[in-house]
Amino acid sequence: MTEPTPAPDVAGGGSRTATVTSPSAAHVGTSSAARTPTGTNGHHVDDEPLRTNGHALPAVPGRPAHAASESRTADDVEAGIIALWHTYGESRRQALRDRLVLHYAPLVKYVAGRVGTGLPAHVDVADLIQSGIFGLVDAIEKFEPERGLKFETYAMQRIRGAILDDLRSQDWVPRSVRSRARDVERALERLGGRLQRTPTDRELAAELKIGLGELRELYAQLQLTSVVALDELIAAGRSTGGAGSSLAESLPDEGAEDPIATLVDQDSRRQLADAIAQLAERDRVVVTLYYFENLTLAEIGKVLGVTESRVCQLHTRAVLRLRTKLNEQLET
């Protein structure tokens, strides 16, 4: 087995190494004196590292190392990993698998960071790491060291595949639509490079070898793929360097009252009330009963003791006077 290349740790902790006490990488078998390591199954572990035929297996990251481990070399790390792989291949113990997962965990962060660079901002890298862990565990369980392949190369493909499979399972857009969207993007790039301008819909349809109507139907389907997180900060807030505001705060509220329209309405009501107050008493009574009490002209005539035609005359006169007074207020 070739020497594994430590993958960069995205969290900033560097590559993880394993603690061993012997640089040799001879054939290793399970010792009867081997101690049970700590795993996710909650087994007890002693402070001494797990040993197999004199080799100390890699210690769990974060555990205090012995003084002798301060002078460890790359050969020591390689010997410990080889011993751990041989022991795990023979026993298939979950505790040993967990130690391998901890050792190669930086691979998951590295792959998730690479995949996340091409995804929308609302996709959390922590979710990608969670999916990648399952890919790493699957890679460890199916890896065959005797073939002489490099585990890091094999594991990175399995981790990336697990992340992409999880993303596809959460995508509500059919894969055929995603594929057609990529075809449209490539066609736009080709036409833009040749024409040195933005291509028209007719030119794009000709490049895709489809009709103009089919292209417009495709546009309607692609609109469903454009999703924006409402809690994402808008560009104006980020560019100013301040706290910014979310996209939800910038969306208009169709049910909200327009403050300008409210002020205009209040001012119009005040002017109308002032104009009504300046009318003669009988004209004011006719306007009040007709517009505010919703009485008919015949009912108003009975109240005033006049005929319906006389009430109609009074109403017309009152409306003309109101119009004159409101025009005078607008001119002033």
C-alpha atoms as a PDB file:
ATOM      1  CA  MET A   1       0.000   0.000   0.000  1.00  0.00           C
ATOM      2  CA  THR A   2       1.374   3.414  -0.967  1.00  0.00           C
ATOM      3  CA  GLU A   3       1.773   6.213   1.485  1.00  0.00           C
ATOM      4  CA  PRO A   4      -1.485   8.118   1.964  1.00  0.00           C
ATOM      5  CA  THR A   5      -1.423  11.834   1.317  1.00  0.00           C
ATOM      6  CA  PRO A   6      -2.887  13.752   4.259  1.00  0.00           C
ATOM      7  CA  ALA A   7      -5.863  15.773   2.999  1.00  0.00           C
ATOM      8  CA  PRO A   8      -6.172  19.434   4.004  1.00  0.00           C
ATOM      9  CA  ASP A   9      -8.409  20.114   6.933  1.00  0.00           C
ATOM     10  CA  VAL A  10     -11.049  22.730   5.943  1.00  0.00           C
ATOM     11  CA  ALA A  11     -11.552  23.696   9.564  1.00  0.00           C
ATOM     12  CA  GLY A  12      -7.975  24.951   9.716  1.00  0.00           C
ATOM     13  CA  GLY A  13      -6.510  22.204  11.868  1.00  0.00           C
ATOM     14  CA  GLY A  14      -4.159  20.837   9.195  1.00  0.00           C
ATOM     15  CA  SER A  15      -3.935  17.170   8.288  1.00  0.00           C
ATOM     16  CA  ARG A  16      -4.482  14.556  10.977  1.00  0.00           C
ATOM     17  CA  THR A  17      -1.724  12.084  11.805  1.00  0.00           C
ATOM     18  CA  ALA A  18      -1.680   8.858  13.751  1.00  0.00           C
ATOM     19  CA  THR A  19       0.523   8.036  16.785  1.00  0.00           C
ATOM     20  CA  VAL A  20       2.725   4.920  16.572  1.00  0.00           C
ATOM     21  CA  THR A  21       5.736   3.649  18.499  1.00  0.00           C
ATOM     22  CA  SER A  22       7.566   1.663  15.824  1.00  0.00           C
ATOM     23  CA  PRO A  23       8.494   2.670  12.251  1.00  0.00           C
ATOM     24  CA  SER A  24       8.344  -0.871  10.875  1.00  0.00           C
ATOM     25  CA  ALA A  25       5.370  -2.086   8.830  1.00  0.00           C
ATOM     26  CA  ALA A  26       5.714  -5.848   9.178  1.00  0.00           C
ATOM     27  CA  HIS A  27       2.776  -8.265   8.989  1.00  0.00           C
ATOM     28  CA  VAL A  28       0.402  -7.530  11.841  1.00  0.00           C
ATOM     29  CA  GLY A  29      -2.007  -9.846  13.592  1.00  0.00           C
ATOM     30  CA  THR A  30      -4.468  -9.233  16.365  1.00  0.00           C
ATOM     31  CA  SER A  31      -2.831  -9.515  19.733  1.00  0.00           C
ATOM     32  CA  SER A  32      -4.619 -11.081  22.666  1.00  0.00           C
ATOM     33  CA  ALA A  33      -3.386  -8.229  24.797  1.00  0.00           C
ATOM     34  CA  ALA A  34      -4.932  -5.591  22.555  1.00  0.00           C
ATOM     35  CA  ARG A  35      -7.108  -3.159  24.358  1.00  0.00           C
ATOM     36  CA  THR A  36     -10.573  -2.243  23.193  1.00  0.00           C
ATOM     37  CA  PRO A  37     -10.565   1.201  21.517  1.00  0.00           C
ATOM     38  CA  THR A  38     -13.210   3.812  21.831  1.00  0.00           C
ATOM     39  CA  GLY A  39     -15.901   3.773  19.093  1.00  0.00           C
ATOM     40  CA  THR A  40     -19.291   5.111  18.416  1.00  0.00           C
ATOM     41  CA  ASN A  41     -20.767   2.029  20.092  1.00  0.00           C
ATOM     42  CA  GLY A  42     -19.686   3.377  23.477  1.00  0.00           C
ATOM     43  CA  HIS A  43     -17.134   0.648  24.444  1.00  0.00           C
ATOM     44  CA  HIS A  44     -14.734   1.461  27.257  1.00  0.00           C
ATOM     45  CA  VAL A  45     -11.174   2.385  26.335  1.00  0.00           C
ATOM     46  CA  ASP A  46      -8.021   2.633  28.424  1.00  0.00           C
ATOM     47  CA  ASP A  47      -5.509   5.397  28.165  1.00  0.00           C
ATOM     48  CA  GLU A  48      -2.968   3.158  26.381  1.00  0.00           C
ATOM     49  CA  PRO A  49      -3.146   3.013  22.563  1.00  0.00           C
ATOM     50  CA  LEU A  50      -4.303  -0.171  20.847  1.00  0.00           C
ATOM     51  CA  ARG A  51      -1.300  -2.377  20.013  1.00  0.00           C
ATOM     52  CA  THR A  52      -0.935  -5.184  17.477  1.00  0.00           C
ATOM     53  CA  ASN A  53       2.365  -7.128  17.491  1.00  0.00           C
ATOM     54  CA  GLY A  54       4.192  -4.197  19.029  1.00  0.00           C
ATOM     55  CA  HIS A  55       2.656  -1.486  16.835  1.00  0.00           C
ATOM     56  CA  ALA A  56       0.514   1.200  18.388  1.00  0.00           C
ATOM     57  CA  LEU A  57      -2.559   1.986  16.287  1.00  0.00           C
ATOM     58  CA  PRO A  58      -3.445   5.610  15.602  1.00  0.00           C
ATOM     59  CA  ALA A  59      -4.808   7.408  18.593  1.00  0.00           C
ATOM     60  CA  VAL A  60      -8.108   9.252  18.455  1.00  0.00           C
ATOM     61  CA  PRO A  61      -7.497  12.939  17.598  1.00  0.00           C
ATOM     62  CA  GLY A  62      -7.607  15.174  20.627  1.00  0.00           C
ATOM     63  CA  ARG A  63      -6.297  12.530  23.059  1.00  0.00           C
ATOM     64  CA  PRO A  64      -3.020  13.401  24.953  1.00  0.00           C
ATOM     65  CA  ALA A  65      -0.012  11.799  23.248  1.00  0.00           C
ATOM     66  CA  HIS A  66       2.970  10.218  24.968  1.00  0.00           C
ATOM     67  CA  ALA A  67       6.315  11.963  25.091  1.00  0.00           C
ATOM     68  CA  ALA A  68       7.819   9.461  22.657  1.00  0.00           C
ATOM     69  CA  SER A  69       5.242  10.361  20.023  1.00  0.00           C
ATOM     70  CA  GLU A  70       6.632  13.892  19.741  1.00  0.00           C
ATOM     71  CA  SER A  71       9.427  12.612  17.505  1.00  0.00           C
ATOM     72  CA  ARG A  72       7.117  10.605  15.212  1.00  0.00           C
ATOM     73  CA  THR A  73       7.884  10.630  11.496  1.00  0.00           C
ATOM     74  CA  ALA A  74       5.871  10.088   8.332  1.00  0.00           C
ATOM     75  CA  ASP A  75       7.011   6.454   8.358  1.00  0.00           C
ATOM     76  CA  ASP A  76       5.564   6.049  11.853  1.00  0.00           C
ATOM     77  CA  VAL A  77       2.228   7.384  10.669  1.00  0.00           C
ATOM     78  CA  GLU A  78       2.242   5.102   7.630  1.00  0.00           C
ATOM     79  CA  ALA A  79       3.126   2.078   9.757  1.00  0.00           C
ATOM     80  CA  GLY A  80       0.301   2.803  12.181  1.00  0.00           C
ATOM     81  CA  ILE A  81      -2.272   3.242   9.414  1.00  0.00           C
ATOM     82  CA  ILE A  82      -1.132   0.032   7.700  1.00  0.00           C
ATOM     83  CA  ALA A  83      -1.413  -1.831  10.994  1.00  0.00           C
ATOM     84  CA  LEU A  84      -4.869  -0.394  11.591  1.00  0.00           C
ATOM     85  CA  TRP A  85      -6.039  -1.382   8.098  1.00  0.00           C
ATOM     86  CA  HIS A  86      -4.715  -4.944   8.523  1.00  0.00           C
ATOM     87  CA  THR A  87      -6.354  -5.309  11.906  1.00  0.00           C
ATOM     88  CA  TYR A  88      -9.652  -3.933  10.653  1.00  0.00           C
ATOM     89  CA  GLY A  89      -9.539  -6.235   7.611  1.00  0.00           C
ATOM     90  CA  GLU A  90      -9.210  -9.264   9.874  1.00  0.00           C
ATOM     91  CA  SER A  91     -11.683  -8.363  12.617  1.00  0.00           C
ATOM     92  CA  ARG A  92     -14.075  -5.862  10.973  1.00  0.00           C
ATOM     93  CA  ARG A  93     -14.645  -4.309  14.379  1.00  0.00           C
ATOM     94  CA  GLN A  94     -16.704  -1.143  14.412  1.00  0.00           C
ATOM     95  CA  ALA A  95     -14.320   0.542  16.859  1.00  0.00           C
ATOM     96  CA  LEU A  96     -11.439   0.166  14.377  1.00  0.00           C
ATOM     97  CA  ARG A  97     -13.616   1.463  11.566  1.00  0.00           C
ATOM     98  CA  ASP A  98     -14.447   4.518  13.673  1.00  0.00           C
ATOM     99  CA  ARG A  99     -10.720   5.217  14.113  1.00  0.00           C
ATOM    100  CA  LEU A 100     -10.268   5.101  10.355  1.00  0.00           C
ATOM    101  CA  VAL A 101     -13.225   7.457   9.933  1.00  0.00           C
ATOM    102  CA  LEU A 102     -11.639   9.930  12.356  1.00  0.00           C
ATOM    103  CA  HIS A 103      -8.302   9.727  10.576  1.00  0.00           C
ATOM    104  CA  TYR A 104      -9.753  10.344   7.102  1.00  0.00           C
ATOM    105  CA  ALA A 105     -12.416  12.848   8.219  1.00  0.00           C
ATOM    106  CA  PRO A 106     -10.518  15.813   6.681  1.00  0.00           C
ATOM    107  CA  LEU A 107     -11.174  14.246   3.276  1.00  0.00           C
ATOM    108  CA  VAL A 108     -14.901  14.807   3.793  1.00  0.00           C
ATOM    109  CA  LYS A 109     -14.417  18.495   4.607  1.00  0.00           C
ATOM    110  CA  TYR A 110     -12.143  18.924   1.610  1.00  0.00           C
ATOM    111  CA  VAL A 111     -14.535  17.280  -0.864  1.00  0.00           C
ATOM    112  CA  ALA A 112     -17.592  19.048   0.606  1.00  0.00           C
ATOM    113  CA  GLY A 113     -15.834  22.387   0.234  1.00  0.00           C
ATOM    114  CA  ARG A 114     -15.005  21.671  -3.398  1.00  0.00           C
ATOM    115  CA  VAL A 115     -18.556  20.572  -4.223  1.00  0.00           C
ATOM    116  CA  GLY A 116     -20.105  23.473  -2.315  1.00  0.00           C
ATOM    117  CA  THR A 117     -18.330  26.109  -4.410  1.00  0.00           C
ATOM    118  CA  GLY A 118     -20.656  25.462  -7.348  1.00  0.00           C
ATOM    119  CA  LEU A 119     -23.895  25.335  -5.372  1.00  0.00           C
ATOM    120  CA  PRO A 120     -26.371  28.100  -4.406  1.00  0.00           C
ATOM    121  CA  ALA A 121     -25.744  30.085  -1.261  1.00  0.00           C
ATOM    122  CA  HIS A 122     -28.674  28.512   0.614  1.00  0.00           C
ATOM    123  CA  VAL A 123     -26.981  25.066   0.540  1.00  0.00           C
ATOM    124  CA  ASP A 124     -25.200  24.571   3.860  1.00  0.00           C
ATOM    125  CA  VAL A 125     -21.737  22.991   3.716  1.00  0.00           C
ATOM    126  CA  ALA A 126     -22.470  21.242   7.033  1.00  0.00           C
ATOM    127  CA  ASP A 127     -25.222  19.270   5.306  1.00  0.00           C
ATOM    128  CA  LEU A 128     -22.764  18.256   2.592  1.00  0.00           C
ATOM    129  CA  ILE A 129     -20.278  17.076   5.224  1.00  0.00           C
ATOM    130  CA  GLN A 130     -22.975  15.002   6.890  1.00  0.00           C
ATOM    131  CA  SER A 131     -23.751  13.282   3.589  1.00  0.00           C
ATOM    132  CA  GLY A 132     -20.047  12.818   2.870  1.00  0.00           C
ATOM    133  CA  ILE A 133     -19.490  10.985   6.174  1.00  0.00           C
ATOM    134  CA  PHE A 134     -21.797   8.222   4.975  1.00  0.00           C
ATOM    135  CA  GLY A 135     -19.756   7.998   1.785  1.00  0.00           C
ATOM    136  CA  LEU A 136     -16.531   7.750   3.801  1.00  0.00           C
ATOM    137  CA  VAL A 137     -17.917   4.957   5.985  1.00  0.00           C
ATOM    138  CA  ASP A 138     -19.059   3.084   2.886  1.00  0.00           C
ATOM    139  CA  ALA A 139     -15.629   3.538   1.296  1.00  0.00           C
ATOM    140  CA  ILE A 140     -13.848   2.161   4.383  1.00  0.00           C
ATOM    141  CA  GLU A 141     -16.119  -0.864   4.541  1.00  0.00           C
ATOM    142  CA  LYS A 142     -15.681  -1.700   0.835  1.00  0.00           C
ATOM    143  CA  PHE A 143     -11.997  -0.807   0.401  1.00  0.00           C
ATOM    144  CA  GLU A 144      -9.579  -3.688  -0.276  1.00  0.00           C
ATOM    145  CA  PRO A 145      -6.006  -2.722   0.736  1.00  0.00           C
ATOM    146  CA  GLU A 146      -4.488  -5.847  -0.830  1.00  0.00           C
ATOM    147  CA  ARG A 147      -5.134  -4.428  -4.295  1.00  0.00           C
ATOM    148  CA  GLY A 148      -2.451  -1.805  -3.678  1.00  0.00           C
ATOM    149  CA  LEU A 149      -4.671   1.165  -4.522  1.00  0.00           C
ATOM    150  CA  LYS A 150      -4.503   4.515  -2.786  1.00  0.00           C
ATOM    151  CA  PHE A 151      -7.406   4.858  -0.362  1.00  0.00           C
ATOM    152  CA  GLU A 152      -7.630   8.658  -0.576  1.00  0.00           C
ATOM    153  CA  THR A 153      -8.352   8.587  -4.314  1.00  0.00           C
ATOM    154  CA  TYR A 154     -10.980   5.880  -3.909  1.00  0.00           C
ATOM    155  CA  ALA A 155     -12.610   7.540  -0.896  1.00  0.00           C
ATOM    156  CA  MET A 156     -12.859  10.979  -2.487  1.00  0.00           C
ATOM    157  CA  GLN A 157     -14.898   9.527  -5.356  1.00  0.00           C
ATOM    158  CA  ARG A 158     -17.229   7.711  -2.951  1.00  0.00           C
ATOM    159  CA  ILE A 159     -17.627  10.819  -0.775  1.00  0.00           C
ATOM    160  CA  ARG A 160     -18.393  13.018  -3.766  1.00  0.00           C
ATOM    161  CA  GLY A 161     -20.891  10.483  -5.059  1.00  0.00           C
ATOM    162  CA  ALA A 162     -22.683  10.317  -1.701  1.00  0.00           C
ATOM    163  CA  ILE A 163     -22.958  14.121  -1.551  1.00  0.00           C
ATOM    164  CA  LEU A 164     -24.323  14.364  -5.102  1.00  0.00           C
ATOM    165  CA  ASP A 165     -26.813  11.547  -4.502  1.00  0.00           C
ATOM    166  CA  ASP A 166     -28.147  13.328  -1.428  1.00  0.00           C
ATOM    167  CA  LEU A 167     -28.453  16.605  -3.334  1.00  0.00           C
ATOM    168  CA  ARG A 168     -30.348  14.903  -6.167  1.00  0.00           C
ATOM    169  CA  SER A 169     -32.749  13.253  -3.720  1.00  0.00           C
ATOM    170  CA  GLN A 170     -33.648  16.692  -2.315  1.00  0.00           C
ATOM    171  CA  ASP A 171     -34.087  18.313  -5.740  1.00  0.00           C
ATOM    172  CA  TRP A 172     -37.747  18.669  -6.818  1.00  0.00           C
ATOM    173  CA  VAL A 173     -36.822  19.589 -10.387  1.00  0.00           C
ATOM    174  CA  PRO A 174     -36.661  16.645 -12.838  1.00  0.00           C
ATOM    175  CA  ARG A 175     -33.188  15.770 -14.062  1.00  0.00           C
ATOM    176  CA  SER A 176     -34.338  16.215 -17.665  1.00  0.00           C
ATOM    177  CA  VAL A 177     -35.104  19.873 -16.948  1.00  0.00           C
ATOM    178  CA  ARG A 178     -31.710  20.343 -15.301  1.00  0.00           C
ATOM    179  CA  SER A 179     -30.063  18.792 -18.356  1.00  0.00           C
ATOM    180  CA  ARG A 180     -31.939  21.084 -20.750  1.00  0.00           C
ATOM    181  CA  ALA A 181     -30.990  24.075 -18.612  1.00  0.00           C
ATOM    182  CA  ARG A 182     -27.317  23.181 -19.015  1.00  0.00           C
ATOM    183  CA  ASP A 183     -27.825  22.826 -22.775  1.00  0.00           C
ATOM    184  CA  VAL A 184     -29.295  26.330 -22.906  1.00  0.00           C
ATOM    185  CA  GLU A 185     -26.382  27.757 -20.888  1.00  0.00           C
ATOM    186  CA  ARG A 186     -23.802  26.138 -23.179  1.00  0.00           C
ATOM    187  CA  ALA A 187     -25.644  27.357 -26.282  1.00  0.00           C
ATOM    188  CA  LEU A 188     -25.720  30.909 -24.903  1.00  0.00           C
ATOM    189  CA  GLU A 189     -21.975  30.762 -24.251  1.00  0.00           C
ATOM    190  CA  ARG A 190     -21.227  29.497 -27.761  1.00  0.00           C
ATOM    191  CA  LEU A 191     -23.423  32.108 -29.450  1.00  0.00           C
ATOM    192  CA  GLY A 192     -22.106  34.894 -27.254  1.00  0.00           C
ATOM    193  CA  GLY A 193     -18.544  33.987 -28.191  1.00  0.00           C
ATOM    194  CA  ARG A 194     -19.278  33.891 -31.909  1.00  0.00           C
ATOM    195  CA  LEU A 195     -21.590  36.918 -32.144  1.00  0.00           C
ATOM    196  CA  GLN A 196     -19.888  39.055 -29.466  1.00  0.00           C
ATOM    197  CA  ARG A 197     -23.343  40.086 -28.222  1.00  0.00           C
ATOM    198  CA  THR A 198     -26.367  38.644 -26.481  1.00  0.00           C
ATOM    199  CA  PRO A 199     -28.136  36.268 -28.903  1.00  0.00           C
ATOM    200  CA  THR A 200     -31.833  36.624 -29.682  1.00  0.00           C
ATOM    201  CA  ASP A 201     -34.400  33.937 -28.928  1.00  0.00           C
ATOM    202  CA  ARG A 202     -34.623  33.021 -32.605  1.00  0.00           C
ATOM    203  CA  GLU A 203     -30.848  32.564 -32.821  1.00  0.00           C
ATOM    204  CA  LEU A 204     -30.825  30.508 -29.635  1.00  0.00           C
ATOM    205  CA  ALA A 205     -33.657  28.303 -30.905  1.00  0.00           C
ATOM    206  CA  ALA A 206     -31.750  27.717 -34.142  1.00  0.00           C
ATOM    207  CA  GLU A 207     -28.605  26.793 -32.174  1.00  0.00           C
ATOM    208  CA  LEU A 208     -30.599  24.290 -30.080  1.00  0.00           C
ATOM    209  CA  LYS A 209     -32.403  23.041 -33.227  1.00  0.00           C
ATOM    210  CA  ILE A 210     -35.844  23.625 -31.728  1.00  0.00           C
ATOM    211  CA  GLY A 211     -38.753  25.896 -32.580  1.00  0.00           C
ATOM    212  CA  LEU A 212     -39.284  29.326 -31.080  1.00  0.00           C
ATOM    213  CA  GLY A 213     -42.461  28.172 -29.316  1.00  0.00           C
ATOM    214  CA  GLU A 214     -40.635  25.184 -27.799  1.00  0.00           C
ATOM    215  CA  LEU A 215     -37.890  27.497 -26.560  1.00  0.00           C
ATOM    216  CA  ARG A 216     -40.437  29.684 -24.780  1.00  0.00           C
ATOM    217  CA  GLU A 217     -41.986  26.618 -23.175  1.00  0.00           C
ATOM    218  CA  LEU A 218     -38.504  25.668 -22.027  1.00  0.00           C
ATOM    219  CA  TYR A 219     -38.078  29.135 -20.495  1.00  0.00           C
ATOM    220  CA  ALA A 220     -41.296  28.585 -18.513  1.00  0.00           C
ATOM    221  CA  GLN A 221     -39.948  25.290 -17.157  1.00  0.00           C
ATOM    222  CA  LEU A 222     -36.586  26.784 -16.259  1.00  0.00           C
ATOM    223  CA  GLN A 223     -38.252  29.522 -14.210  1.00  0.00           C
ATOM    224  CA  LEU A 224     -39.235  26.850 -11.689  1.00  0.00           C
ATOM    225  CA  THR A 225     -35.566  26.008 -11.106  1.00  0.00           C
ATOM    226  CA  SER A 226     -34.668  29.519  -9.932  1.00  0.00           C
ATOM    227  CA  VAL A 227     -35.026  29.490  -6.160  1.00  0.00           C
ATOM    228  CA  VAL A 228     -33.793  32.209  -3.808  1.00  0.00           C
ATOM    229  CA  ALA A 229     -33.599  31.934  -0.027  1.00  0.00           C
ATOM    230  CA  LEU A 230     -35.676  34.663   1.625  1.00  0.00           C
ATOM    231  CA  ASP A 231     -33.236  34.906   4.537  1.00  0.00           C
ATOM    232  CA  GLU A 232     -30.290  35.603   2.215  1.00  0.00           C
ATOM    233  CA  LEU A 233     -28.842  39.109   2.457  1.00  0.00           C
ATOM    234  CA  ILE A 234     -29.409  41.285  -0.564  1.00  0.00           C
ATOM    235  CA  ALA A 235     -26.390  42.535  -2.504  1.00  0.00           C
ATOM    236  CA  ALA A 236     -26.815  46.151  -1.376  1.00  0.00           C
ATOM    237  CA  GLY A 237     -26.472  45.159   2.259  1.00  0.00           C
ATOM    238  CA  ARG A 238     -23.310  43.136   1.631  1.00  0.00           C
ATOM    239  CA  SER A 239     -21.613  45.766  -0.510  1.00  0.00           C
ATOM    240  CA  THR A 240     -21.946  48.493   2.107  1.00  0.00           C
ATOM    241  CA  GLY A 241     -20.275  46.306   4.698  1.00  0.00           C
ATOM    242  CA  GLY A 242     -23.111  46.752   7.171  1.00  0.00           C
ATOM    243  CA  ALA A 243     -25.531  44.264   8.627  1.00  0.00           C
ATOM    244  CA  GLY A 244     -27.676  44.410   5.511  1.00  0.00           C
ATOM    245  CA  SER A 245     -31.260  43.291   5.173  1.00  0.00           C
ATOM    246  CA  SER A 246     -32.809  40.041   4.051  1.00  0.00           C
ATOM    247  CA  LEU A 247     -34.558  39.545   0.762  1.00  0.00           C
ATOM    248  CA  ALA A 248     -37.862  39.021   2.579  1.00  0.00           C
ATOM    249  CA  GLU A 249     -37.667  42.574   3.917  1.00  0.00           C
ATOM    250  CA  SER A 250     -37.368  43.953   0.386  1.00  0.00           C
ATOM    251  CA  LEU A 251     -40.491  42.211  -0.982  1.00  0.00           C
ATOM    252  CA  PRO A 252     -43.551  44.478  -1.353  1.00  0.00           C
ATOM    253  CA  ASP A 253     -46.605  43.831   0.812  1.00  0.00           C
ATOM    254  CA  GLU A 254     -49.615  43.946  -1.481  1.00  0.00           C
ATOM    255  CA  GLY A 255     -51.981  44.256   1.474  1.00  0.00           C
ATOM    256  CA  ALA A 256     -50.171  47.161   3.117  1.00  0.00           C
ATOM    257  CA  GLU A 257     -51.657  50.651   2.931  1.00  0.00           C
ATOM    258  CA  ASP A 258     -49.892  53.269   0.876  1.00  0.00           C
ATOM    259  CA  PRO A 259     -48.959  56.086   3.290  1.00  0.00           C
ATOM    260  CA  ILE A 260     -49.152  58.729   0.543  1.00  0.00           C
ATOM    261  CA  ALA A 261     -52.603  57.557  -0.557  1.00  0.00           C
ATOM    262  CA  THR A 262     -53.736  57.562   3.066  1.00  0.00           C
ATOM    263  CA  LEU A 263     -52.627  61.176   3.562  1.00  0.00           C
ATOM    264  CA  VAL A 264     -54.303  62.275   0.321  1.00  0.00           C
ATOM    265  CA  ASP A 265     -57.544  60.563   1.341  1.00  0.00           C
ATOM    266  CA  GLN A 266     -57.505  62.173   4.780  1.00  0.00           C
ATOM    267  CA  ASP A 267     -56.885  65.605   3.255  1.00  0.00           C
ATOM    268  CA  SER A 268     -59.710  65.127   0.731  1.00  0.00           C
ATOM    269  CA  ARG A 269     -62.111  64.113   3.496  1.00  0.00           C
ATOM    270  CA  ARG A 270     -61.180  67.201   5.513  1.00  0.00           C
ATOM    271  CA  GLN A 271     -61.744  69.512   2.524  1.00  0.00           C
ATOM    272  CA  LEU A 272     -65.090  67.851   1.774  1.00  0.00           C
ATOM    273  CA  ALA A 273     -66.228  68.211   5.385  1.00  0.00           C
ATOM    274  CA  ASP A 274     -65.289  71.902   5.366  1.00  0.00           C
ATOM    275  CA  ALA A 275     -67.230  72.411   2.110  1.00  0.00           C
ATOM    276  CA  ILE A 276     -70.336  70.647   3.468  1.00  0.00           C
ATOM    277  CA  ALA A 277     -70.224  72.772   6.617  1.00  0.00           C
ATOM    278  CA  GLN A 278     -70.433  75.923   4.480  1.00  0.00           C
ATOM    279  CA  LEU A 279     -73.659  74.811   2.700  1.00  0.00           C
ATOM    280  CA  ALA A 280     -77.105  76.116   3.574  1.00  0.00           C
ATOM    281  CA  GLU A 281     -78.901  74.129   6.258  1.00  0.00           C
ATOM    282  CA  ARG A 282     -81.412  72.484   3.894  1.00  0.00           C
ATOM    283  CA  ASP A 283     -78.722  71.605   1.355  1.00  0.00           C
ATOM    284  CA  ARG A 284     -76.586  70.145   4.129  1.00  0.00           C
ATOM    285  CA  VAL A 285     -79.513  67.992   5.354  1.00  0.00           C
ATOM    286  CA  VAL A 286     -80.153  66.665   1.837  1.00  0.00           C
ATOM    287  CA  VAL A 287     -76.481  65.721   1.352  1.00  0.00           C
ATOM    288  CA  THR A 288     -76.300  64.069   4.792  1.00  0.00           C
ATOM    289  CA  LEU A 289     -79.481  62.031   4.368  1.00  0.00           C
ATOM    290  CA  TYR A 290     -78.690  60.998   0.822  1.00  0.00           C
ATOM    291  CA  TYR A 291     -74.959  60.087   1.114  1.00  0.00           C
ATOM    292  CA  PHE A 292     -74.543  59.150   4.780  1.00  0.00           C
ATOM    293  CA  GLU A 293     -77.987  57.793   5.760  1.00  0.00           C
ATOM    294  CA  ASN A 294     -78.632  56.188   2.347  1.00  0.00           C
ATOM    295  CA  LEU A 295     -82.199  57.492   2.082  1.00  0.00           C
ATOM    296  CA  THR A 296     -83.950  57.819  -1.273  1.00  0.00           C
ATOM    297  CA  LEU A 297     -85.163  61.134  -2.667  1.00  0.00           C
ATOM    298  CA  ALA A 298     -88.775  60.225  -1.860  1.00  0.00           C
ATOM    299  CA  GLU A 299     -87.864  59.430   1.756  1.00  0.00           C
ATOM    300  CA  ILE A 300     -85.947  62.694   2.078  1.00  0.00           C
ATOM    301  CA  GLY A 301     -89.030  64.567   0.693  1.00  0.00           C
ATOM    302  CA  LYS A 302     -91.189  63.075   3.445  1.00  0.00           C
ATOM    303  CA  VAL A 303     -88.640  64.161   6.063  1.00  0.00           C
ATOM    304  CA  LEU A 304     -88.457  67.718   4.717  1.00  0.00           C
ATOM    305  CA  GLY A 305     -92.174  67.901   3.796  1.00  0.00           C
ATOM    306  CA  VAL A 306     -91.508  68.641   0.104  1.00  0.00           C
ATOM    307  CA  THR A 307     -91.999  66.777  -3.123  1.00  0.00           C
ATOM    308  CA  GLU A 308     -89.455  64.374  -4.602  1.00  0.00           C
ATOM    309  CA  SER A 309     -88.744  66.700  -7.518  1.00  0.00           C
ATOM    310  CA  ARG A 310     -87.952  69.527  -5.068  1.00  0.00           C
ATOM    311  CA  VAL A 311     -85.513  67.253  -3.245  1.00  0.00           C
ATOM    312  CA  CYS A 312     -83.834  66.481  -6.597  1.00  0.00           C
ATOM    313  CA  GLN A 313     -83.408  70.212  -7.207  1.00  0.00           C
ATOM    314  CA  LEU A 314     -81.942  70.725  -3.733  1.00  0.00           C
ATOM    315  CA  HIS A 315     -79.527  67.834  -4.267  1.00  0.00           C
ATOM    316  CA  THR A 316     -78.329  69.186  -7.614  1.00  0.00           C
ATOM    317  CA  ARG A 317     -77.778  72.647  -6.146  1.00  0.00           C
ATOM    318  CA  ALA A 318     -75.853  71.224  -3.181  1.00  0.00           C
ATOM    319  CA  VAL A 319     -73.558  69.170  -5.427  1.00  0.00           C
ATOM    320  CA  LEU A 320     -72.785  72.175  -7.632  1.00  0.00           C
ATOM    321  CA  ARG A 321     -71.940  74.312  -4.596  1.00  0.00           C
ATOM    322  CA  LEU A 322     -69.692  71.579  -3.185  1.00  0.00           C
ATOM    323  CA  ARG A 323     -67.850  71.260  -6.483  1.00  0.00           C
ATOM    324  CA  THR A 324     -67.313  75.024  -6.620  1.00  0.00           C
ATOM    325  CA  LYS A 325     -65.975  75.204  -3.076  1.00  0.00           C
ATOM    326  CA  LEU A 326     -63.621  72.229  -3.607  1.00  0.00           C
ATOM    327  CA  ASN A 327     -62.214  73.770  -6.761  1.00  0.00           C
ATOM    328  CA  GLU A 328     -61.594  77.008  -4.873  1.00  0.00           C
ATOM    329  CA  GLN A 329     -59.682  75.088  -2.200  1.00  0.00           C
ATOM    330  CA  LEU A 330     -57.523  73.334  -4.813  1.00  0.00           C
ATOM    331  CA  GLU A 331     -56.695  76.640  -6.518  1.00  0.00           C
ATOM    332  CA  THR A 332     -55.650  78.233  -3.228  1.00  0.00           C
END
